[in-house]
N, C-alpha and C. Protein backbone atom coordinates (compact mmCIF):
# COMPACT_ATOMS: atom_id res chain seq x y z
N MET A 1 14.73 16.53 -10.90
CA MET A 1 13.62 15.63 -11.31
C MET A 1 12.79 16.40 -12.30
N ARG A 2 12.44 15.78 -13.40
CA ARG A 2 11.64 16.38 -14.44
C ARG A 2 10.33 15.49 -14.61
N ILE A 3 9.20 16.19 -14.60
CA ILE A 3 7.93 15.54 -14.68
C ILE A 3 7.07 16.10 -15.81
N GLY A 4 6.54 15.21 -16.71
CA GLY A 4 5.64 15.74 -17.72
C GLY A 4 4.22 15.79 -17.02
N VAL A 5 3.49 16.88 -17.41
CA VAL A 5 2.17 17.04 -16.84
C VAL A 5 1.14 17.26 -17.93
N LEU A 6 0.03 16.54 -17.91
CA LEU A 6 -0.88 16.78 -18.95
C LEU A 6 -2.28 16.42 -18.49
N SER A 7 -3.28 16.82 -19.10
CA SER A 7 -4.65 16.73 -18.79
C SER A 7 -5.59 16.65 -20.00
N ASP A 8 -6.77 16.18 -19.75
CA ASP A 8 -7.76 16.23 -20.83
C ASP A 8 -7.33 15.70 -22.18
N THR A 9 -6.87 14.47 -22.18
CA THR A 9 -6.58 13.87 -23.47
C THR A 9 -7.82 13.30 -24.15
N HIS A 10 -8.85 12.94 -23.42
CA HIS A 10 -10.10 12.48 -23.93
C HIS A 10 -9.97 11.42 -24.91
N GLY A 11 -9.01 10.50 -24.62
CA GLY A 11 -8.78 9.25 -25.53
C GLY A 11 -7.93 9.46 -26.75
N ALA A 12 -7.34 10.66 -26.88
CA ALA A 12 -6.44 11.03 -28.07
C ALA A 12 -5.13 11.47 -27.56
N LEU A 13 -4.05 10.86 -28.03
CA LEU A 13 -2.70 11.31 -27.69
C LEU A 13 -1.99 11.97 -28.86
N HIS A 14 -1.62 13.20 -28.69
CA HIS A 14 -0.96 13.96 -29.76
C HIS A 14 0.47 13.29 -29.95
N PRO A 15 0.89 13.14 -31.20
CA PRO A 15 2.14 12.50 -31.46
C PRO A 15 3.37 13.28 -30.95
N ALA A 16 3.27 14.62 -30.75
CA ALA A 16 4.36 15.33 -30.15
C ALA A 16 4.58 15.14 -28.67
N ILE A 17 3.70 14.45 -27.99
CA ILE A 17 3.81 14.21 -26.57
C ILE A 17 5.07 13.29 -26.32
N ALA A 18 5.27 12.26 -27.11
CA ALA A 18 6.42 11.43 -26.84
C ALA A 18 7.72 12.17 -26.91
N THR A 19 7.87 13.13 -27.87
CA THR A 19 9.07 13.92 -28.02
C THR A 19 9.15 14.97 -26.88
N SER A 20 8.08 15.56 -26.52
CA SER A 20 8.02 16.52 -25.49
C SER A 20 8.40 16.02 -24.18
N PHE A 21 8.05 14.71 -23.87
CA PHE A 21 8.31 14.16 -22.61
C PHE A 21 9.56 13.28 -22.59
N THR A 22 10.37 13.36 -23.60
CA THR A 22 11.65 12.56 -23.68
C THR A 22 12.47 12.99 -22.50
N GLY A 23 12.92 11.94 -21.74
CA GLY A 23 13.78 12.23 -20.55
C GLY A 23 13.12 12.60 -19.29
N VAL A 24 11.79 12.57 -19.29
CA VAL A 24 11.14 12.94 -18.01
C VAL A 24 11.27 11.71 -17.09
N ASP A 25 11.25 11.93 -15.78
CA ASP A 25 11.30 10.84 -14.82
C ASP A 25 10.00 10.22 -14.53
N GLU A 26 8.99 11.00 -14.67
CA GLU A 26 7.53 10.56 -14.47
C GLU A 26 6.61 11.46 -15.21
N ILE A 27 5.30 10.95 -15.36
CA ILE A 27 4.23 11.77 -15.98
C ILE A 27 3.05 11.77 -15.03
N PHE A 28 2.51 12.93 -14.85
CA PHE A 28 1.30 13.18 -14.13
C PHE A 28 0.15 13.38 -15.17
N HIS A 29 -0.84 12.60 -15.13
CA HIS A 29 -2.11 12.79 -15.92
C HIS A 29 -3.27 13.32 -15.02
N LEU A 30 -3.78 14.51 -15.31
CA LEU A 30 -4.72 15.07 -14.33
C LEU A 30 -6.18 14.89 -14.67
N GLY A 31 -6.53 13.83 -15.32
CA GLY A 31 -7.93 13.40 -15.61
C GLY A 31 -8.44 13.69 -16.99
N ASP A 32 -9.54 13.12 -17.17
CA ASP A 32 -10.26 13.08 -18.46
C ASP A 32 -9.24 12.31 -19.43
N VAL A 33 -8.77 11.24 -19.01
CA VAL A 33 -7.85 10.46 -19.75
C VAL A 33 -8.50 9.87 -20.96
N GLY A 34 -9.65 9.29 -20.87
CA GLY A 34 -10.46 8.75 -21.97
C GLY A 34 -10.47 7.24 -22.07
N THR A 35 -9.22 6.63 -22.10
CA THR A 35 -9.03 5.20 -22.24
C THR A 35 -7.88 4.74 -21.52
N GLN A 36 -7.84 3.39 -21.14
CA GLN A 36 -6.67 2.90 -20.52
C GLN A 36 -5.53 2.88 -21.50
N ARG A 37 -5.81 2.75 -22.78
CA ARG A 37 -4.76 2.79 -23.85
C ARG A 37 -3.93 4.01 -23.77
N ILE A 38 -4.45 5.22 -23.37
CA ILE A 38 -3.76 6.43 -23.23
C ILE A 38 -2.67 6.18 -22.12
N LEU A 39 -3.11 5.70 -20.93
CA LEU A 39 -2.15 5.45 -19.88
C LEU A 39 -1.16 4.48 -20.24
N ASP A 40 -1.40 3.43 -21.00
CA ASP A 40 -0.41 2.39 -21.53
C ASP A 40 0.60 3.08 -22.39
N GLU A 41 0.10 3.95 -23.23
CA GLU A 41 1.14 4.68 -24.16
C GLU A 41 1.96 5.53 -23.46
N LEU A 42 1.38 6.24 -22.42
CA LEU A 42 2.34 7.11 -21.59
C LEU A 42 3.26 6.35 -20.81
N GLU A 43 2.93 5.24 -20.22
CA GLU A 43 3.78 4.30 -19.46
C GLU A 43 5.02 3.81 -20.23
N ALA A 44 4.87 3.80 -21.67
CA ALA A 44 5.96 3.44 -22.44
C ALA A 44 7.04 4.52 -22.42
N ILE A 45 6.66 5.78 -22.05
CA ILE A 45 7.57 6.85 -21.93
C ILE A 45 8.19 6.96 -20.60
N ALA A 46 7.37 6.91 -19.54
CA ALA A 46 7.74 7.04 -18.15
C ALA A 46 6.66 6.55 -17.26
N PRO A 47 7.00 6.27 -15.97
CA PRO A 47 5.91 5.88 -15.03
C PRO A 47 4.91 6.97 -14.95
N VAL A 48 3.61 6.59 -14.78
CA VAL A 48 2.46 7.43 -14.87
C VAL A 48 1.81 7.45 -13.43
N THR A 49 1.47 8.59 -12.95
CA THR A 49 0.46 8.73 -11.84
C THR A 49 -0.68 9.56 -12.36
N ALA A 50 -1.88 8.96 -12.27
CA ALA A 50 -3.03 9.61 -12.84
C ALA A 50 -4.22 9.71 -11.88
N VAL A 51 -5.06 10.65 -12.14
CA VAL A 51 -6.29 10.81 -11.36
C VAL A 51 -7.44 10.84 -12.43
N SER A 52 -8.63 10.54 -11.93
CA SER A 52 -9.77 10.54 -12.85
C SER A 52 -10.44 11.86 -13.02
N GLY A 53 -11.20 12.00 -14.14
CA GLY A 53 -11.87 13.26 -14.39
C GLY A 53 -13.35 12.97 -14.66
N ASN A 54 -14.14 14.08 -14.83
CA ASN A 54 -15.60 13.88 -14.99
C ASN A 54 -15.95 13.19 -16.25
N MET A 55 -15.18 13.17 -17.31
CA MET A 55 -15.51 12.48 -18.54
C MET A 55 -14.88 11.16 -18.69
N ASP A 56 -14.27 10.56 -17.67
CA ASP A 56 -13.64 9.27 -17.82
C ASP A 56 -14.73 8.24 -17.64
N PRO A 57 -14.58 7.06 -18.39
CA PRO A 57 -15.65 6.00 -18.22
C PRO A 57 -15.57 5.28 -16.93
N PRO A 58 -16.64 4.68 -16.54
CA PRO A 58 -16.65 4.05 -15.14
C PRO A 58 -15.59 3.03 -14.97
N GLY A 59 -15.17 2.28 -16.05
CA GLY A 59 -14.11 1.32 -15.80
C GLY A 59 -12.75 1.93 -15.51
N LEU A 60 -12.55 3.11 -15.99
CA LEU A 60 -11.28 3.79 -15.70
C LEU A 60 -11.39 4.44 -14.31
N VAL A 61 -12.55 5.11 -14.05
CA VAL A 61 -12.72 5.73 -12.78
C VAL A 61 -12.52 4.77 -11.65
N ALA A 62 -12.92 3.50 -11.81
CA ALA A 62 -12.82 2.50 -10.76
C ALA A 62 -11.38 2.27 -10.38
N HIS A 63 -10.38 2.53 -11.25
CA HIS A 63 -9.01 2.32 -11.02
C HIS A 63 -8.20 3.55 -10.73
N LEU A 64 -8.77 4.76 -10.84
CA LEU A 64 -8.08 5.94 -10.70
C LEU A 64 -8.73 6.78 -9.49
N PRO A 65 -7.91 7.32 -8.66
CA PRO A 65 -8.46 8.14 -7.54
C PRO A 65 -8.89 9.50 -8.16
N GLU A 66 -9.84 10.15 -7.37
CA GLU A 66 -10.20 11.52 -7.83
C GLU A 66 -9.21 12.55 -7.58
N SER A 67 -8.44 12.31 -6.57
CA SER A 67 -7.22 13.15 -6.29
C SER A 67 -6.09 12.34 -5.57
N LYS A 68 -4.95 12.87 -5.64
CA LYS A 68 -3.86 12.12 -4.99
C LYS A 68 -2.81 13.22 -4.54
N VAL A 69 -2.28 12.94 -3.31
CA VAL A 69 -1.23 13.79 -2.81
C VAL A 69 0.12 12.99 -2.91
N VAL A 70 1.08 13.57 -3.55
CA VAL A 70 2.43 12.96 -3.77
C VAL A 70 3.52 13.89 -3.24
N THR A 71 4.60 13.29 -2.83
CA THR A 71 5.76 14.19 -2.41
C THR A 71 6.81 13.85 -3.36
N ARG A 72 7.36 14.82 -3.91
CA ARG A 72 8.52 14.73 -4.82
C ARG A 72 9.63 15.81 -4.45
N ALA A 73 10.82 15.40 -4.12
CA ALA A 73 11.89 16.30 -3.66
C ALA A 73 11.38 17.22 -2.60
N ASN A 74 10.77 16.69 -1.59
CA ASN A 74 10.27 17.39 -0.43
C ASN A 74 9.13 18.42 -0.72
N ARG A 75 8.55 18.31 -1.86
CA ARG A 75 7.39 19.20 -2.25
C ARG A 75 6.05 18.42 -2.21
N ARG A 76 5.07 18.91 -1.53
CA ARG A 76 3.80 18.26 -1.46
C ARG A 76 3.01 18.76 -2.68
N ILE A 77 2.54 17.75 -3.46
CA ILE A 77 1.88 18.07 -4.65
C ILE A 77 0.46 17.38 -4.69
N VAL A 78 -0.54 18.19 -4.98
CA VAL A 78 -1.87 17.62 -5.07
C VAL A 78 -2.22 17.52 -6.57
N LEU A 79 -2.59 16.35 -6.97
CA LEU A 79 -3.15 16.11 -8.29
C LEU A 79 -4.63 15.90 -8.34
N LEU A 80 -5.33 16.64 -9.08
CA LEU A 80 -6.80 16.47 -9.14
C LEU A 80 -7.22 17.06 -10.55
N HIS A 81 -8.45 16.59 -10.93
CA HIS A 81 -8.93 17.09 -12.17
C HIS A 81 -9.50 18.52 -12.04
N GLY A 82 -10.26 18.72 -10.97
CA GLY A 82 -10.81 20.07 -10.70
C GLY A 82 -12.32 20.13 -10.90
N HIS A 83 -12.87 19.11 -11.43
CA HIS A 83 -14.37 19.17 -11.64
C HIS A 83 -15.18 19.12 -10.39
N ARG A 84 -14.69 18.67 -9.30
CA ARG A 84 -15.36 18.68 -7.96
C ARG A 84 -15.25 20.00 -7.23
N VAL A 85 -14.36 20.88 -7.71
CA VAL A 85 -14.24 22.22 -7.11
C VAL A 85 -15.00 23.18 -7.98
N ARG A 86 -15.87 23.94 -7.34
CA ARG A 86 -16.90 24.79 -8.00
C ARG A 86 -16.34 25.43 -9.28
N ALA A 87 -15.38 26.32 -9.11
CA ALA A 87 -14.86 27.04 -10.33
C ALA A 87 -13.62 26.54 -10.92
N ALA A 88 -13.00 25.58 -10.27
CA ALA A 88 -11.67 25.01 -10.75
C ALA A 88 -10.73 26.18 -11.06
N GLU A 89 -10.58 27.18 -10.09
CA GLU A 89 -9.69 28.26 -10.18
C GLU A 89 -8.93 28.40 -8.87
N PRO A 90 -7.80 29.04 -8.83
CA PRO A 90 -6.92 29.02 -7.57
C PRO A 90 -7.64 29.26 -6.31
N VAL A 91 -8.48 30.27 -6.20
CA VAL A 91 -9.14 30.61 -4.89
C VAL A 91 -9.89 29.41 -4.41
N GLU A 92 -10.69 28.78 -5.32
CA GLU A 92 -11.52 27.60 -4.90
C GLU A 92 -10.63 26.38 -4.60
N LEU A 93 -9.64 26.26 -5.49
CA LEU A 93 -8.76 25.08 -5.29
C LEU A 93 -7.90 25.21 -3.98
N LEU A 94 -7.51 26.44 -3.58
CA LEU A 94 -6.82 26.63 -2.39
C LEU A 94 -7.73 26.19 -1.18
N ARG A 95 -8.94 26.60 -1.23
CA ARG A 95 -9.87 26.33 -0.12
C ARG A 95 -10.06 24.68 -0.12
N ALA A 96 -10.14 24.05 -1.25
CA ALA A 96 -10.38 22.67 -1.31
C ALA A 96 -9.17 21.83 -0.87
N THR A 97 -8.03 22.26 -1.10
CA THR A 97 -6.79 21.55 -0.89
C THR A 97 -6.04 22.00 0.40
N ARG A 98 -6.49 22.93 1.00
CA ARG A 98 -5.77 23.49 2.21
C ARG A 98 -5.45 22.38 3.23
N PRO A 99 -6.35 21.38 3.51
CA PRO A 99 -6.04 20.38 4.47
C PRO A 99 -4.78 19.48 4.03
N ASP A 100 -4.56 19.45 2.80
CA ASP A 100 -3.29 18.65 2.26
C ASP A 100 -2.08 19.47 2.39
N ARG A 101 -2.09 20.73 2.76
CA ARG A 101 -0.94 21.54 2.89
C ARG A 101 -0.02 21.48 1.62
N PRO A 102 -0.49 21.73 0.44
CA PRO A 102 0.29 21.55 -0.73
C PRO A 102 1.33 22.72 -0.99
N ASP A 103 2.39 22.38 -1.66
CA ASP A 103 3.17 23.41 -2.19
C ASP A 103 2.75 23.78 -3.56
N LEU A 104 2.16 22.73 -4.33
CA LEU A 104 1.82 22.74 -5.66
C LEU A 104 0.52 22.04 -5.88
N VAL A 105 -0.40 22.66 -6.62
CA VAL A 105 -1.68 22.01 -7.00
C VAL A 105 -1.69 21.92 -8.48
N LEU A 106 -1.78 20.68 -9.04
CA LEU A 106 -1.87 20.47 -10.48
C LEU A 106 -3.25 20.09 -10.82
N PHE A 107 -3.86 20.72 -11.75
CA PHE A 107 -5.24 20.42 -12.09
C PHE A 107 -5.53 20.55 -13.58
N GLY A 108 -6.66 20.06 -14.05
CA GLY A 108 -7.05 20.19 -15.40
C GLY A 108 -8.48 20.79 -15.50
N HIS A 109 -9.27 20.12 -16.26
CA HIS A 109 -10.67 20.38 -16.42
C HIS A 109 -11.08 21.65 -17.20
N THR A 110 -10.45 22.77 -17.12
CA THR A 110 -10.82 23.92 -17.76
C THR A 110 -10.31 23.99 -19.17
N HIS A 111 -9.34 23.28 -19.55
CA HIS A 111 -8.77 23.22 -20.83
C HIS A 111 -7.93 24.56 -21.08
N GLU A 112 -7.68 25.36 -20.09
CA GLU A 112 -6.89 26.57 -20.24
C GLU A 112 -5.61 26.50 -19.42
N PRO A 113 -4.45 26.66 -20.08
CA PRO A 113 -3.20 26.76 -19.25
C PRO A 113 -3.35 27.87 -18.16
N LEU A 114 -2.66 27.57 -17.06
CA LEU A 114 -2.70 28.55 -15.96
C LEU A 114 -1.47 28.29 -15.13
N LEU A 115 -0.80 29.39 -14.62
CA LEU A 115 0.28 29.33 -13.71
C LEU A 115 0.04 30.46 -12.77
N GLU A 116 -0.28 30.18 -11.51
CA GLU A 116 -0.55 31.35 -10.53
C GLU A 116 -0.10 30.89 -9.17
N GLU A 117 0.30 31.87 -8.38
CA GLU A 117 0.64 31.60 -6.93
C GLU A 117 -0.38 32.36 -6.12
N LEU A 118 -0.78 31.66 -5.07
CA LEU A 118 -1.75 32.27 -4.15
C LEU A 118 -1.43 31.80 -2.75
N GLU A 119 -1.14 32.71 -1.83
CA GLU A 119 -0.87 32.36 -0.44
C GLU A 119 0.27 31.34 -0.24
N GLY A 120 1.28 31.44 -1.14
CA GLY A 120 2.44 30.54 -1.07
C GLY A 120 2.18 29.14 -1.73
N VAL A 121 1.05 28.96 -2.37
CA VAL A 121 0.83 27.73 -3.06
C VAL A 121 0.84 28.05 -4.59
N THR A 122 1.51 27.20 -5.39
CA THR A 122 1.57 27.36 -6.83
C THR A 122 0.38 26.47 -7.38
N PHE A 123 -0.31 27.08 -8.36
CA PHE A 123 -1.42 26.41 -9.10
C PHE A 123 -1.01 26.33 -10.52
N PHE A 124 -1.06 25.08 -11.17
CA PHE A 124 -0.62 24.89 -12.44
C PHE A 124 -1.68 24.00 -13.21
N ASN A 125 -2.15 24.54 -14.35
CA ASN A 125 -3.09 23.78 -15.21
C ASN A 125 -2.26 23.70 -16.55
N PRO A 126 -1.97 22.46 -17.06
CA PRO A 126 -1.22 22.32 -18.27
C PRO A 126 -2.05 22.63 -19.56
N GLY A 127 -3.36 22.84 -19.34
CA GLY A 127 -4.20 23.09 -20.53
C GLY A 127 -4.64 21.60 -20.99
N ALA A 128 -5.20 21.47 -22.13
CA ALA A 128 -5.69 20.28 -22.61
C ALA A 128 -4.80 19.73 -23.62
N ALA A 129 -4.44 18.46 -23.45
CA ALA A 129 -3.46 17.85 -24.36
C ALA A 129 -4.18 17.03 -25.52
N GLY A 130 -5.54 16.96 -25.42
CA GLY A 130 -6.32 16.19 -26.42
C GLY A 130 -6.65 17.08 -27.65
N LYS A 131 -7.53 16.46 -28.49
CA LYS A 131 -7.84 17.20 -29.69
C LYS A 131 -8.45 18.53 -29.27
N PRO A 132 -8.18 19.60 -30.06
CA PRO A 132 -8.59 20.91 -29.79
C PRO A 132 -10.19 20.98 -29.59
N ARG A 133 -10.57 21.73 -28.48
CA ARG A 133 -11.97 21.97 -28.21
C ARG A 133 -12.06 23.36 -27.64
N PHE A 134 -13.19 23.98 -27.78
CA PHE A 134 -13.30 25.26 -27.12
C PHE A 134 -12.34 26.29 -27.73
N ARG A 135 -11.93 26.15 -28.96
CA ARG A 135 -10.98 27.05 -29.62
C ARG A 135 -9.59 27.04 -28.98
N SER A 136 -9.25 25.97 -28.27
CA SER A 136 -7.95 25.83 -27.65
C SER A 136 -7.03 25.07 -28.59
N ARG A 137 -5.69 25.21 -28.27
CA ARG A 137 -4.76 24.41 -29.01
C ARG A 137 -4.11 23.47 -27.93
N PRO A 138 -3.71 22.22 -28.36
CA PRO A 138 -3.24 21.29 -27.40
C PRO A 138 -1.90 21.82 -26.69
N THR A 139 -1.91 21.71 -25.36
CA THR A 139 -0.71 22.00 -24.59
C THR A 139 -0.43 21.02 -23.47
N ILE A 140 0.74 20.95 -23.05
CA ILE A 140 1.14 20.14 -21.84
C ILE A 140 2.09 21.02 -20.98
N GLY A 141 2.43 20.42 -19.90
CA GLY A 141 3.34 21.23 -18.99
C GLY A 141 4.55 20.32 -18.58
N LEU A 142 5.58 21.00 -18.28
CA LEU A 142 6.75 20.40 -17.71
C LEU A 142 7.03 20.99 -16.35
N LEU A 143 7.35 20.09 -15.40
CA LEU A 143 7.66 20.45 -14.10
C LEU A 143 9.08 20.00 -13.69
N GLU A 144 9.92 20.97 -13.33
CA GLU A 144 11.29 20.61 -12.85
C GLU A 144 11.43 20.93 -11.38
N ILE A 145 11.75 19.92 -10.63
CA ILE A 145 11.88 20.15 -9.22
C ILE A 145 13.34 19.91 -8.78
N THR A 146 13.98 20.86 -8.13
CA THR A 146 15.31 20.75 -7.64
C THR A 146 15.32 20.93 -6.18
N LEU A 147 16.43 20.75 -5.50
CA LEU A 147 16.54 21.01 -4.11
C LEU A 147 16.24 22.52 -3.75
N THR A 148 16.44 23.36 -4.71
CA THR A 148 16.23 24.84 -4.36
C THR A 148 15.01 25.39 -4.93
N GLY A 149 14.14 24.64 -5.67
CA GLY A 149 12.94 25.19 -6.15
C GLY A 149 12.18 24.38 -7.20
N MET A 150 11.18 25.03 -7.80
CA MET A 150 10.45 24.36 -8.79
C MET A 150 10.37 25.33 -10.05
N ARG A 151 10.30 24.66 -11.14
CA ARG A 151 10.11 25.54 -12.43
C ARG A 151 9.00 24.80 -13.22
N LEU A 152 7.99 25.66 -13.68
CA LEU A 152 6.95 25.05 -14.41
C LEU A 152 6.81 25.74 -15.82
N GLU A 153 6.53 25.09 -16.78
CA GLU A 153 6.35 25.72 -18.10
C GLU A 153 5.35 25.05 -18.93
N HIS A 154 4.63 25.81 -19.75
CA HIS A 154 3.69 25.31 -20.68
C HIS A 154 4.37 25.11 -22.04
N ARG A 155 3.91 24.02 -22.78
CA ARG A 155 4.42 23.88 -24.06
C ARG A 155 3.27 23.55 -25.05
N ALA A 156 3.19 24.21 -26.19
CA ALA A 156 2.19 23.91 -27.17
C ALA A 156 2.64 22.64 -27.92
N LEU A 157 1.71 21.87 -28.28
CA LEU A 157 1.98 20.63 -29.04
C LEU A 157 1.72 21.05 -30.53
N GLU A 158 2.78 20.96 -31.37
CA GLU A 158 2.73 21.44 -32.74
C GLU A 158 2.60 20.21 -33.63
N GLY A 159 2.09 20.43 -34.88
CA GLY A 159 1.92 19.46 -35.83
C GLY A 159 0.56 18.81 -35.90
N PRO A 160 0.39 17.93 -36.88
CA PRO A 160 -0.94 17.27 -36.96
C PRO A 160 -1.33 16.39 -35.80
N PHE A 161 -2.52 16.31 -35.52
CA PHE A 161 -3.01 15.54 -34.43
C PHE A 161 -3.43 14.10 -34.87
N GLY A 162 -2.86 13.10 -34.17
CA GLY A 162 -3.29 11.72 -34.43
C GLY A 162 -4.04 11.35 -33.08
N SER A 163 -4.85 10.30 -33.24
CA SER A 163 -5.67 9.96 -32.09
C SER A 163 -4.89 8.96 -31.18
N SER A 164 -3.97 8.22 -31.65
CA SER A 164 -3.12 7.33 -30.85
C SER A 164 -1.90 6.84 -31.64
N VAL A 165 -0.90 6.28 -30.91
CA VAL A 165 0.26 5.67 -31.51
C VAL A 165 -0.23 4.58 -32.34
N GLU A 166 -1.17 3.70 -31.83
CA GLU A 166 -1.65 2.52 -32.58
C GLU A 166 -2.28 3.00 -33.96
N GLU A 167 -3.08 3.99 -33.98
CA GLU A 167 -3.74 4.43 -35.19
C GLU A 167 -2.74 5.08 -36.08
N ARG A 168 -1.77 5.78 -35.63
CA ARG A 168 -0.74 6.37 -36.52
C ARG A 168 0.17 5.29 -37.15
N ARG A 169 0.25 4.10 -36.61
CA ARG A 169 0.99 3.09 -37.23
C ARG A 169 0.26 2.36 -38.45
N ARG A 170 -1.00 2.51 -38.46
CA ARG A 170 -1.81 1.90 -39.48
C ARG A 170 -1.57 2.47 -40.83
């Protein structure tokens, strides 16, 4: 099973996302989506499971949970943005998600890619997929789950940034 992982699009979808997520079975969006249009564009690639972030508008927040626990290939995965966890780093996230007994915690918010293991739990932040902020460059993640394990990787999104598929067609 291959899953595309992204966060912090803030209403803008990089044109390389469609290519980067070719062949994924599912997409996880970890909050700060920005607009429903972003979720619709991602749904054209693969089914989307999303959570809300601190910058999402009320209309979107009303339809997206703050966190979600999913099971894929017998792995418990917690999806959250991270803004409700004090520092949005593994030590704090471990404390906040321990009742969910996760194998993997996927989060965003910091705009910084991260892959770390702590007390048997893997923590992964794909970085920010939206327009560059805070001197970052757009990144996403790919998660591969097999019967024998998980593999996570970060990928930089190369090329010029467009704000949406619709605007690029104009």
